[in-house]
All heavy atoms as atom14 arrays in JSON, in Angstrom:
{
  "sequence": "EILGSTEWDTILLDEAQYIKNPYTQQAASISRLKCRNRFCLTGT",
  "atom14_mask": [
    [1, 1, 1, 1, 1, 1, 1, 1, 1, 0, 0, 0, 0, 0],
    [1, 1, 1, 1, 1, 1, 1, 1, 0, 0, 0, 0, 0, 0],
    [1, 1, 1, 1, 1, 1, 1, 1, 0, 0, 0, 0, 0, 0],
    [1, 1, 1, 1, 0, 0, 0, 0, 0, 0, 0, 0, 0, 0],
    [1, 1, 1, 1, 1, 1, 0, 0, 0, 0, 0, 0, 0, 0],
    [1, 1, 1, 1, 1, 1, 1, 0, 0, 0, 0, 0, 0, 0],
    [1, 1, 1, 1, 1, 1, 1, 1, 1, 0, 0, 0, 0, 0],
    [1, 1, 1, 1, 1, 1, 1, 1, 1, 1, 1, 1, 1, 1],
    [1, 1, 1, 1, 1, 1, 1, 1, 0, 0, 0, 0, 0, 0],
    [1, 1, 1, 1, 1, 1, 1, 0, 0, 0, 0, 0, 0, 0],
    [1, 1, 1, 1, 1, 1, 1, 1, 0, 0, 0, 0, 0, 0],
    [1, 1, 1, 1, 1, 1, 1, 1, 0, 0, 0, 0, 0, 0],
    [1, 1, 1, 1, 1, 1, 1, 1, 0, 0, 0, 0, 0, 0],
    [1, 1, 1, 1, 1, 1, 1, 1, 0, 0, 0, 0, 0, 0],
    [1, 1, 1, 1, 1, 1, 1, 1, 1, 0, 0, 0, 0, 0],
    [1, 1, 1, 1, 1, 0, 0, 0, 0, 0, 0, 0, 0, 0],
    [1, 1, 1, 1, 1, 1, 1, 1, 1, 0, 0, 0, 0, 0],
    [1, 1, 1, 1, 1, 1, 1, 1, 1, 1, 1, 1, 0, 0],
    [1, 1, 1, 1, 1, 1, 1, 1, 0, 0, 0, 0, 0, 0],
    [1, 1, 1, 1, 1, 1, 1, 1, 1, 0, 0, 0, 0, 0],
    [1, 1, 1, 1, 1, 1, 1, 1, 0, 0, 0, 0, 0, 0],
    [1, 1, 1, 1, 1, 1, 1, 0, 0, 0, 0, 0, 0, 0],
    [1, 1, 1, 1, 1, 1, 1, 1, 1, 1, 1, 1, 0, 0],
    [1, 1, 1, 1, 1, 1, 1, 0, 0, 0, 0, 0, 0, 0],
    [1, 1, 1, 1, 1, 1, 1, 1, 1, 0, 0, 0, 0, 0],
    [1, 1, 1, 1, 1, 1, 1, 1, 1, 0, 0, 0, 0, 0],
    [1, 1, 1, 1, 1, 0, 0, 0, 0, 0, 0, 0, 0, 0],
    [1, 1, 1, 1, 1, 0, 0, 0, 0, 0, 0, 0, 0, 0],
    [1, 1, 1, 1, 1, 1, 0, 0, 0, 0, 0, 0, 0, 0],
    [1, 1, 1, 1, 1, 1, 1, 1, 0, 0, 0, 0, 0, 0],
    [1, 1, 1, 1, 1, 1, 0, 0, 0, 0, 0, 0, 0, 0],
    [1, 1, 1, 1, 1, 1, 1, 1, 1, 1, 1, 0, 0, 0],
    [1, 1, 1, 1, 1, 1, 1, 1, 0, 0, 0, 0, 0, 0],
    [1, 1, 1, 1, 1, 1, 1, 1, 1, 0, 0, 0, 0, 0],
    [1, 1, 1, 1, 1, 1, 0, 0, 0, 0, 0, 0, 0, 0],
    [1, 1, 1, 1, 1, 1, 1, 1, 1, 1, 1, 0, 0, 0],
    [1, 1, 1, 1, 1, 1, 1, 1, 0, 0, 0, 0, 0, 0],
    [1, 1, 1, 1, 1, 1, 1, 1, 1, 1, 1, 0, 0, 0],
    [1, 1, 1, 1, 1, 1, 1, 1, 1, 1, 1, 0, 0, 0],
    [1, 1, 1, 1, 1, 1, 0, 0, 0, 0, 0, 0, 0, 0],
    [1, 1, 1, 1, 1, 1, 1, 1, 0, 0, 0, 0, 0, 0],
    [1, 1, 1, 1, 1, 1, 1, 0, 0, 0, 0, 0, 0, 0],
    [1, 1, 1, 1, 0, 0, 0, 0, 0, 0, 0, 0, 0, 0],
    [1, 1, 1, 1, 1, 1, 1, 0, 0, 0, 0, 0, 0, 0]
  ],
  "atom14_positions": [
    [[-107.91, 66.6, -0.01], [-108.17, 65.48, -0.92], [-108.83, 65.96, -2.2], [-108.5, 65.49, -3.3], [-109.05, 64.44, -0.23], [-109.29, 63.19, -1.08], [-110.16, 62.16, -0.38], [-110.48, 62.37, 0.81], [-110.51, 61.16, -1.02], [0.0, 0.0, 0.0], [0.0, 0.0, 0.0], [0.0, 0.0, 0.0], [0.0, 0.0, 0.0], [0.0, 0.0, 0.0]],
    [[-109.76, 66.91, -2.09], [-110.45, 67.43, -3.28], [-109.5, 68.23, -4.16], [-109.38, 67.98, -5.36], [-111.66, 68.29, -2.86], [-112.7, 67.43, -2.15], [-112.28, 68.98, -4.07], [-113.87, 68.21, -1.6], [0.0, 0.0, 0.0], [0.0, 0.0, 0.0], [0.0, 0.0, 0.0], [0.0, 0.0, 0.0], [0.0, 0.0, 0.0], [0.0, 0.0, 0.0]],
    [[-108.79, 69.19, -3.55], [-107.86, 70.02, -4.33], [-106.68, 69.2, -4.82], [-106.08, 69.5, -5.86], [-107.38, 71.2, -3.49], [-108.47, 72.2, -3.05], [-107.89, 73.29, -2.18], [-109.17, 72.82, -4.27], [0.0, 0.0, 0.0], [0.0, 0.0, 0.0], [0.0, 0.0, 0.0], [0.0, 0.0, 0.0], [0.0, 0.0, 0.0], [0.0, 0.0, 0.0]],
    [[-106.33, 68.15, -4.08], [-105.21, 67.3, -4.46], [-105.55, 66.33, -5.58], [-104.65, 65.66, -6.11], [0.0, 0.0, 0.0], [0.0, 0.0, 0.0], [0.0, 0.0, 0.0], [0.0, 0.0, 0.0], [0.0, 0.0, 0.0], [0.0, 0.0, 0.0], [0.0, 0.0, 0.0], [0.0, 0.0, 0.0], [0.0, 0.0, 0.0], [0.0, 0.0, 0.0]],
    [[-106.82, 66.27, -5.98], [-107.2, 65.37, -7.08], [-106.86, 65.95, -8.45], [-106.96, 65.26, -9.46], [-108.71, 65.09, -7.01], [-109.46, 66.29, -7.19], [0.0, 0.0, 0.0], [0.0, 0.0, 0.0], [0.0, 0.0, 0.0], [0.0, 0.0, 0.0], [0.0, 0.0, 0.0], [0.0, 0.0, 0.0], [0.0, 0.0, 0.0], [0.0, 0.0, 0.0]],
    [[-106.45, 67.21, -8.49], [-106.06, 67.87, -9.73], [-104.57, 68.19, -9.7], [-104.04, 68.6, -8.66], [-106.86, 69.19, -9.91], [-108.24, 68.88, -10.04], [-106.39, 69.95, -11.14], [0.0, 0.0, 0.0], [0.0, 0.0, 0.0], [0.0, 0.0, 0.0], [0.0, 0.0, 0.0], [0.0, 0.0, 0.0], [0.0, 0.0, 0.0], [0.0, 0.0, 0.0]],
    [[-103.89, 68.01, -10.81], [-102.5, 68.48, -10.91], [-102.53, 69.88, -11.52], [-102.9, 70.07, -12.68], [-101.64, 67.55, -11.77], [-100.19, 68.01, -11.81], [-99.25, 67.03, -12.47], [-99.7, 65.9, -12.76], [-98.09, 67.38, -12.7], [0.0, 0.0, 0.0], [0.0, 0.0, 0.0], [0.0, 0.0, 0.0], [0.0, 0.0, 0.0], [0.0, 0.0, 0.0]],
    [[-102.15, 70.86, -10.72], [-102.27, 72.26, -11.12], [-101.06, 72.7, -11.92], [-99.94, 72.27, -11.66], [-102.42, 73.14, -9.88], [-103.55, 72.7, -8.99], [-103.46, 71.89, -7.9], [-104.92, 73.03, -9.13], [-104.69, 71.68, -7.35], [-105.62, 72.38, -8.08], [-105.64, 73.81, -10.04], [-106.98, 72.48, -7.91], [-107.02, 73.92, -9.88], [-107.67, 73.27, -8.83]],
    [[-101.29, 73.58, -12.88], [-100.16, 74.2, -13.57], [-99.4, 75.09, -12.6], [-98.18, 75.01, -12.47], [-100.64, 75.03, -14.76], [-99.52, 75.8, -15.43], [-99.2, 76.92, -14.96], [-98.95, 75.29, -16.41], [0.0, 0.0, 0.0], [0.0, 0.0, 0.0], [0.0, 0.0, 0.0], [0.0, 0.0, 0.0], [0.0, 0.0, 0.0], [0.0, 0.0, 0.0]],
    [[-100.14, 75.95, -11.9], [-99.53, 76.88, -10.93], [-100.42, 76.98, -9.71], [-101.65, 77.09, -9.83], [-99.36, 78.29, -11.53], [-98.46, 78.23, -12.64], [-98.81, 79.26, -10.48], [0.0, 0.0, 0.0], [0.0, 0.0, 0.0], [0.0, 0.0, 0.0], [0.0, 0.0, 0.0], [0.0, 0.0, 0.0], [0.0, 0.0, 0.0], [0.0, 0.0, 0.0]],
    [[-99.8, 76.92, -8.53], [-100.48, 77.28, -7.28], [-99.89, 78.61, -6.83], [-98.67, 78.77, -6.73], [-100.29, 76.23, -6.19], [-100.97, 74.91, -6.59], [-100.88, 76.72, -4.87], [-100.81, 73.8, -5.57], [0.0, 0.0, 0.0], [0.0, 0.0, 0.0], [0.0, 0.0, 0.0], [0.0, 0.0, 0.0], [0.0, 0.0, 0.0], [0.0, 0.0, 0.0]],
    [[-100.77, 79.57, -6.58], [-100.34, 80.9, -6.19], [-100.94, 81.21, -4.82], [-102.15, 81.16, -4.63], [-100.82, 81.91, -7.23], [-100.18, 83.29, -7.23], [-100.21, 83.86, -8.64], [-100.9, 84.22, -6.27], [0.0, 0.0, 0.0], [0.0, 0.0, 0.0], [0.0, 0.0, 0.0], [0.0, 0.0, 0.0], [0.0, 0.0, 0.0], [0.0, 0.0, 0.0]],
    [[-100.08, 81.5, -3.85], [-100.53, 81.83, -2.49], [-100.5, 83.34, -2.29], [-99.45, 83.97, -2.42], [-99.62, 81.17, -1.44], [-99.44, 79.65, -1.49], [-98.65, 79.18, -0.28], [-100.78, 78.93, -1.57], [0.0, 0.0, 0.0], [0.0, 0.0, 0.0], [0.0, 0.0, 0.0], [0.0, 0.0, 0.0], [0.0, 0.0, 0.0], [0.0, 0.0, 0.0]],
    [[-101.64, 83.91, -1.99], [-101.71, 85.34, -1.69], [-101.58, 85.52, -0.18], [-102.12, 84.74, 0.6], [-103.04, 85.91, -2.18], [-103.07, 87.43, -2.11], [-102.0, 88.04, -1.93], [-104.17, 88.01, -2.25], [0.0, 0.0, 0.0], [0.0, 0.0, 0.0], [0.0, 0.0, 0.0], [0.0, 0.0, 0.0], [0.0, 0.0, 0.0], [0.0, 0.0, 0.0]],
    [[-100.87, 86.59, 0.23], [-100.57, 86.83, 1.64], [-99.98, 85.56, 2.25], [-100.52, 84.95, 3.18], [-101.81, 87.32, 2.39], [-102.33, 88.62, 1.78], [-103.1, 89.5, 2.73], [-103.04, 89.26, 3.95], [-103.75, 90.43, 2.26], [0.0, 0.0, 0.0], [0.0, 0.0, 0.0], [0.0, 0.0, 0.0], [0.0, 0.0, 0.0], [0.0, 0.0, 0.0]],
    [[-98.84, 85.18, 1.68], [-98.22, 83.88, 1.98], [-97.72, 83.77, 3.41], [-97.31, 82.68, 3.83], [-97.06, 83.62, 1.01], [0.0, 0.0, 0.0], [0.0, 0.0, 0.0], [0.0, 0.0, 0.0], [0.0, 0.0, 0.0], [0.0, 0.0, 0.0], [0.0, 0.0, 0.0], [0.0, 0.0, 0.0], [0.0, 0.0, 0.0], [0.0, 0.0, 0.0]],
    [[-97.76, 84.86, 4.17], [-97.38, 84.76, 5.58], [-98.31, 83.82, 6.33], [-98.02, 83.41, 7.46], [-97.37, 86.14, 6.25], [-98.68, 86.89, 6.24], [-98.86, 87.77, 5.01], [-98.26, 87.54, 3.98], [-99.7, 88.8, 5.13], [0.0, 0.0, 0.0], [0.0, 0.0, 0.0], [0.0, 0.0, 0.0], [0.0, 0.0, 0.0], [0.0, 0.0, 0.0]],
    [[-99.42, 83.42, 5.71], [-100.33, 82.44, 6.32], [-99.69, 81.06, 6.43], [-100.21, 80.2, 7.15], [-101.63, 82.35, 5.52], [-102.68, 83.34, 5.95], [-102.51, 84.71, 5.74], [-103.83, 82.93, 6.6], [-103.47, 85.63, 6.14], [-104.8, 83.85, 7.01], [-104.61, 85.2, 6.78], [-105.55, 86.11, 7.2], [0.0, 0.0, 0.0], [0.0, 0.0, 0.0]],
    [[-98.59, 80.8, 5.72], [-97.9, 79.52, 5.87], [-96.52, 79.72, 6.5], [-95.61, 78.92, 6.3], [-97.75, 78.77, 4.52], [-96.91, 79.58, 3.52], [-99.1, 78.43, 3.94], [-96.37, 78.75, 2.38], [0.0, 0.0, 0.0], [0.0, 0.0, 0.0], [0.0, 0.0, 0.0], [0.0, 0.0, 0.0], [0.0, 0.0, 0.0], [0.0, 0.0, 0.0]],
    [[-96.38, 80.79, 7.29], [-95.07, 81.09, 7.86], [-94.62, 80.03, 8.87], [-93.43, 79.91, 9.14], [-95.07, 82.47, 8.52], [-96.02, 82.6, 9.71], [-96.01, 84.04, 10.23], [-96.98, 84.21, 11.4], [-97.0, 85.6, 11.88], [0.0, 0.0, 0.0], [0.0, 0.0, 0.0], [0.0, 0.0, 0.0], [0.0, 0.0, 0.0], [0.0, 0.0, 0.0]],
    [[-95.58, 79.3, 9.44], [-95.23, 78.19, 10.34], [-95.37, 76.89, 9.57], [-96.48, 76.43, 9.3], [-96.14, 78.18, 11.56], [-95.76, 77.11, 12.56], [-94.94, 76.22, 12.26], [-96.32, 77.16, 13.75], [0.0, 0.0, 0.0], [0.0, 0.0, 0.0], [0.0, 0.0, 0.0], [0.0, 0.0, 0.0], [0.0, 0.0, 0.0], [0.0, 0.0, 0.0]],
    [[-94.24, 76.25, 9.19], [-94.31, 75.06, 8.33], [-94.9, 73.84, 9.01], [-95.23, 72.87, 8.34], [-92.83, 74.82, 7.98], [-92.07, 75.39, 9.13], [-92.85, 76.6, 9.57], [0.0, 0.0, 0.0], [0.0, 0.0, 0.0], [0.0, 0.0, 0.0], [0.0, 0.0, 0.0], [0.0, 0.0, 0.0], [0.0, 0.0, 0.0], [0.0, 0.0, 0.0]],
    [[-95.04, 73.88, 10.34], [-95.51, 72.7, 11.05], [-97.01, 72.71, 11.31], [-97.54, 71.8, 11.94], [-94.75, 72.55, 12.37], [-93.27, 72.28, 12.13], [-92.33, 73.25, 12.41], [-92.86, 71.08, 11.58], [-90.98, 73.02, 12.17], [-91.52, 70.83, 11.34], [-90.57, 71.8, 11.63], [-89.24, 71.57, 11.37], [0.0, 0.0, 0.0], [0.0, 0.0, 0.0]],
    [[-97.72, 73.71, 10.81], [-99.17, 73.7, 10.92], [-99.75, 72.76, 9.87], [-99.17, 72.54, 8.8], [-99.76, 75.1, 10.71], [-99.42, 75.56, 9.4], [-99.22, 76.08, 11.74], [0.0, 0.0, 0.0], [0.0, 0.0, 0.0], [0.0, 0.0, 0.0], [0.0, 0.0, 0.0], [0.0, 0.0, 0.0], [0.0, 0.0, 0.0], [0.0, 0.0, 0.0]],
    [[-100.92, 72.2, 10.17], [-101.59, 71.32, 9.22], [-101.92, 72.07, 7.94], [-101.89, 71.5, 6.83], [-102.86, 70.74, 9.84], [-103.55, 69.7, 8.97], [-104.8, 69.14, 9.63], [-105.02, 69.32, 10.82], [-105.63, 68.47, 8.85], [0.0, 0.0, 0.0], [0.0, 0.0, 0.0], [0.0, 0.0, 0.0], [0.0, 0.0, 0.0], [0.0, 0.0, 0.0]],
    [[-102.22, 73.35, 8.08], [-102.56, 74.18, 6.93], [-101.41, 74.26, 5.94], [-101.57, 74.02, 4.74], [-102.92, 75.58, 7.43], [-103.37, 76.55, 6.36], [-103.93, 77.81, 7.0], [-105.12, 77.88, 7.31], [-103.09, 78.79, 7.23], [0.0, 0.0, 0.0], [0.0, 0.0, 0.0], [0.0, 0.0, 0.0], [0.0, 0.0, 0.0], [0.0, 0.0, 0.0]],
    [[-100.2, 74.58, 6.45], [-99.03, 74.69, 5.58], [-98.67, 73.35, 4.96], [-98.33, 73.25, 3.78], [-97.84, 75.24, 6.38], [0.0, 0.0, 0.0], [0.0, 0.0, 0.0], [0.0, 0.0, 0.0], [0.0, 0.0, 0.0], [0.0, 0.0, 0.0], [0.0, 0.0, 0.0], [0.0, 0.0, 0.0], [0.0, 0.0, 0.0], [0.0, 0.0, 0.0]],
    [[-98.76, 72.29, 5.76], [-98.42, 70.95, 5.26], [-99.38, 70.5, 4.17], [-98.96, 69.94, 3.14], [-98.42, 69.95, 6.42], [0.0, 0.0, 0.0], [0.0, 0.0, 0.0], [0.0, 0.0, 0.0], [0.0, 0.0, 0.0], [0.0, 0.0, 0.0], [0.0, 0.0, 0.0], [0.0, 0.0, 0.0], [0.0, 0.0, 0.0], [0.0, 0.0, 0.0]],
    [[-100.68, 70.75, 4.36], [-101.68, 70.34, 3.38], [-101.45, 71.04, 2.04], [-101.5, 70.42, 0.98], [-103.09, 70.65, 3.89], [-103.39, 69.89, 5.04], [0.0, 0.0, 0.0], [0.0, 0.0, 0.0], [0.0, 0.0, 0.0], [0.0, 0.0, 0.0], [0.0, 0.0, 0.0], [0.0, 0.0, 0.0], [0.0, 0.0, 0.0], [0.0, 0.0, 0.0]],
    [[-101.2, 72.34, 2.1], [-100.99, 73.12, 0.88], [-99.72, 72.68, 0.17], [-99.67, 72.56, -1.06], [-100.95, 74.62, 1.21], [-102.35, 75.08, 1.64], [-100.46, 75.44, 0.03], [-102.41, 76.48, 2.19], [0.0, 0.0, 0.0], [0.0, 0.0, 0.0], [0.0, 0.0, 0.0], [0.0, 0.0, 0.0], [0.0, 0.0, 0.0], [0.0, 0.0, 0.0]],
    [[-98.67, 72.39, 0.93], [-97.4, 71.97, 0.33], [-97.51, 70.63, -0.38], [-96.74, 70.34, -1.3], [-96.31, 71.9, 1.4], [-96.04, 73.19, 1.92], [0.0, 0.0, 0.0], [0.0, 0.0, 0.0], [0.0, 0.0, 0.0], [0.0, 0.0, 0.0], [0.0, 0.0, 0.0], [0.0, 0.0, 0.0], [0.0, 0.0, 0.0], [0.0, 0.0, 0.0]],
    [[-98.46, 69.8, 0.05], [-98.61, 68.47, -0.57], [-99.4, 68.5, -1.88], [-99.42, 67.51, -2.62], [-99.3, 67.51, 0.42], [-98.39, 67.03, 1.54], [-99.02, 65.86, 2.29], [-100.17, 66.27, 3.06], [-100.15, 66.59, 4.35], [-99.0, 66.55, 5.02], [-101.26, 66.94, 4.99], [0.0, 0.0, 0.0], [0.0, 0.0, 0.0], [0.0, 0.0, 0.0]],
    [[-100.06, 69.6, -2.19], [-100.83, 69.68, -3.43], [-99.91, 69.57, -4.64], [-98.81, 70.11, -4.66], [-101.61, 71.0, -3.48], [-102.67, 71.2, -2.4], [-103.31, 72.57, -2.53], [-103.73, 70.11, -2.45], [0.0, 0.0, 0.0], [0.0, 0.0, 0.0], [0.0, 0.0, 0.0], [0.0, 0.0, 0.0], [0.0, 0.0, 0.0], [0.0, 0.0, 0.0]],
    [[-100.37, 68.88, -5.68], [-99.54, 68.63, -6.86], [-99.61, 69.8, -7.82], [-100.7, 70.26, -8.18], [-100.01, 67.35, -7.56], [-99.86, 66.08, -6.74], [-100.5, 64.89, -7.43], [-102.02, 65.0, -7.4], [-102.69, 63.78, -7.91], [0.0, 0.0, 0.0], [0.0, 0.0, 0.0], [0.0, 0.0, 0.0], [0.0, 0.0, 0.0], [0.0, 0.0, 0.0]],
    [[-98.43, 70.3, -8.23], [-98.39, 71.39, -9.19], [-97.02, 71.45, -9.85], [-96.04, 70.9, -9.35], [-98.71, 72.73, -8.52], [-97.49, 73.23, -7.3], [0.0, 0.0, 0.0], [0.0, 0.0, 0.0], [0.0, 0.0, 0.0], [0.0, 0.0, 0.0], [0.0, 0.0, 0.0], [0.0, 0.0, 0.0], [0.0, 0.0, 0.0], [0.0, 0.0, 0.0]],
    [[-96.97, 72.17, -10.99], [-95.71, 72.31, -11.71], [-94.99, 73.61, -11.37], [-93.77, 73.71, -11.53], [-95.98, 72.24, -13.22], [-96.5, 70.88, -13.67], [-96.67, 70.81, -15.18], [-97.81, 71.6, -15.64], [-99.08, 71.18, -15.61], [-99.37, 69.98, -15.12], [-100.06, 71.95, -16.05], [0.0, 0.0, 0.0], [0.0, 0.0, 0.0], [0.0, 0.0, 0.0]],
    [[-95.72, 74.62, -10.92], [-95.12, 75.93, -10.63], [-95.75, 76.5, -9.36], [-96.95, 76.33, -9.14], [-95.34, 76.9, -11.79], [-94.83, 76.35, -13.11], [-93.64, 76.41, -13.38], [-95.73, 75.82, -13.93], [0.0, 0.0, 0.0], [0.0, 0.0, 0.0], [0.0, 0.0, 0.0], [0.0, 0.0, 0.0], [0.0, 0.0, 0.0], [0.0, 0.0, 0.0]],
    [[-94.93, 77.19, -8.57], [-95.42, 77.74, -7.31], [-94.92, 79.17, -7.12], [-93.72, 79.43, -7.27], [-94.93, 76.89, -6.12], [-95.36, 75.43, -6.19], [-94.79, 74.66, -5.02], [-95.22, 73.27, -5.01], [-95.36, 72.53, -3.93], [-95.12, 73.06, -2.75], [-95.75, 71.28, -4.01], [0.0, 0.0, 0.0], [0.0, 0.0, 0.0], [0.0, 0.0, 0.0]],
    [[-95.84, 80.05, -6.78], [-95.47, 81.43, -6.49], [-96.22, 81.93, -5.26], [-97.32, 81.46, -4.96], [-95.8, 82.35, -7.68], [-94.82, 82.23, -8.81], [-95.05, 81.33, -9.84], [-93.68, 83.01, -8.85], [-94.15, 81.2, -10.88], [-92.77, 82.89, -9.88], [-93.0, 81.99, -10.9], [0.0, 0.0, 0.0], [0.0, 0.0, 0.0], [0.0, 0.0, 0.0]],
    [[-95.59, 82.86, -4.55], [-96.18, 83.45, -3.35], [-96.23, 84.96, -3.5], [-95.32, 85.57, -4.08], [-95.34, 83.11, -2.11], [-95.47, 81.39, -1.59], [0.0, 0.0, 0.0], [0.0, 0.0, 0.0], [0.0, 0.0, 0.0], [0.0, 0.0, 0.0], [0.0, 0.0, 0.0], [0.0, 0.0, 0.0], [0.0, 0.0, 0.0], [0.0, 0.0, 0.0]],
    [[-97.28, 85.56, -2.98], [-97.41, 87.02, -2.89], [-97.44, 87.4, -1.42], [-98.12, 86.76, -0.63], [-98.7, 87.5, -3.57], [-98.99, 87.03, -5.0], [-100.29, 87.65, -5.49], [-97.86, 87.38, -5.93], [0.0, 0.0, 0.0], [0.0, 0.0, 0.0], [0.0, 0.0, 0.0], [0.0, 0.0, 0.0], [0.0, 0.0, 0.0], [0.0, 0.0, 0.0]],
    [[-96.7, 88.42, -1.07], [-96.74, 88.93, 0.3], [-96.33, 90.39, 0.29], [-95.45, 90.78, -0.48], [-95.84, 88.12, 1.25], [-95.91, 88.71, 2.56], [-94.39, 88.11, 0.79], [0.0, 0.0, 0.0], [0.0, 0.0, 0.0], [0.0, 0.0, 0.0], [0.0, 0.0, 0.0], [0.0, 0.0, 0.0], [0.0, 0.0, 0.0], [0.0, 0.0, 0.0]],
    [[-96.99, 91.19, 1.12], [-96.64, 92.61, 1.19], [-95.69, 92.93, 2.33], [-95.34, 94.08, 2.55], [0.0, 0.0, 0.0], [0.0, 0.0, 0.0], [0.0, 0.0, 0.0], [0.0, 0.0, 0.0], [0.0, 0.0, 0.0], [0.0, 0.0, 0.0], [0.0, 0.0, 0.0], [0.0, 0.0, 0.0], [0.0, 0.0, 0.0], [0.0, 0.0, 0.0]],
    [[-95.25, 91.9, 3.06], [-94.38, 92.12, 4.21], [-92.96, 91.64, 3.91], [-92.78, 90.65, 3.2], [-94.9, 91.38, 5.44], [-94.88, 89.97, 5.18], [-96.32, 91.79, 5.76], [0.0, 0.0, 0.0], [0.0, 0.0, 0.0], [0.0, 0.0, 0.0], [0.0, 0.0, 0.0], [0.0, 0.0, 0.0], [0.0, 0.0, 0.0], [0.0, 0.0, 0.0]]
  ]
}
């Protein structure tokens, strides 16, 4: 709710394998955040 109160220019996920399971509350919460651009970083 706090992070979702801002519309972000870019959300950048580092070590994006942390959202590899789309059905976790964590992945769902992050996906609902408002932004115009999205990028992921992963070394795997």
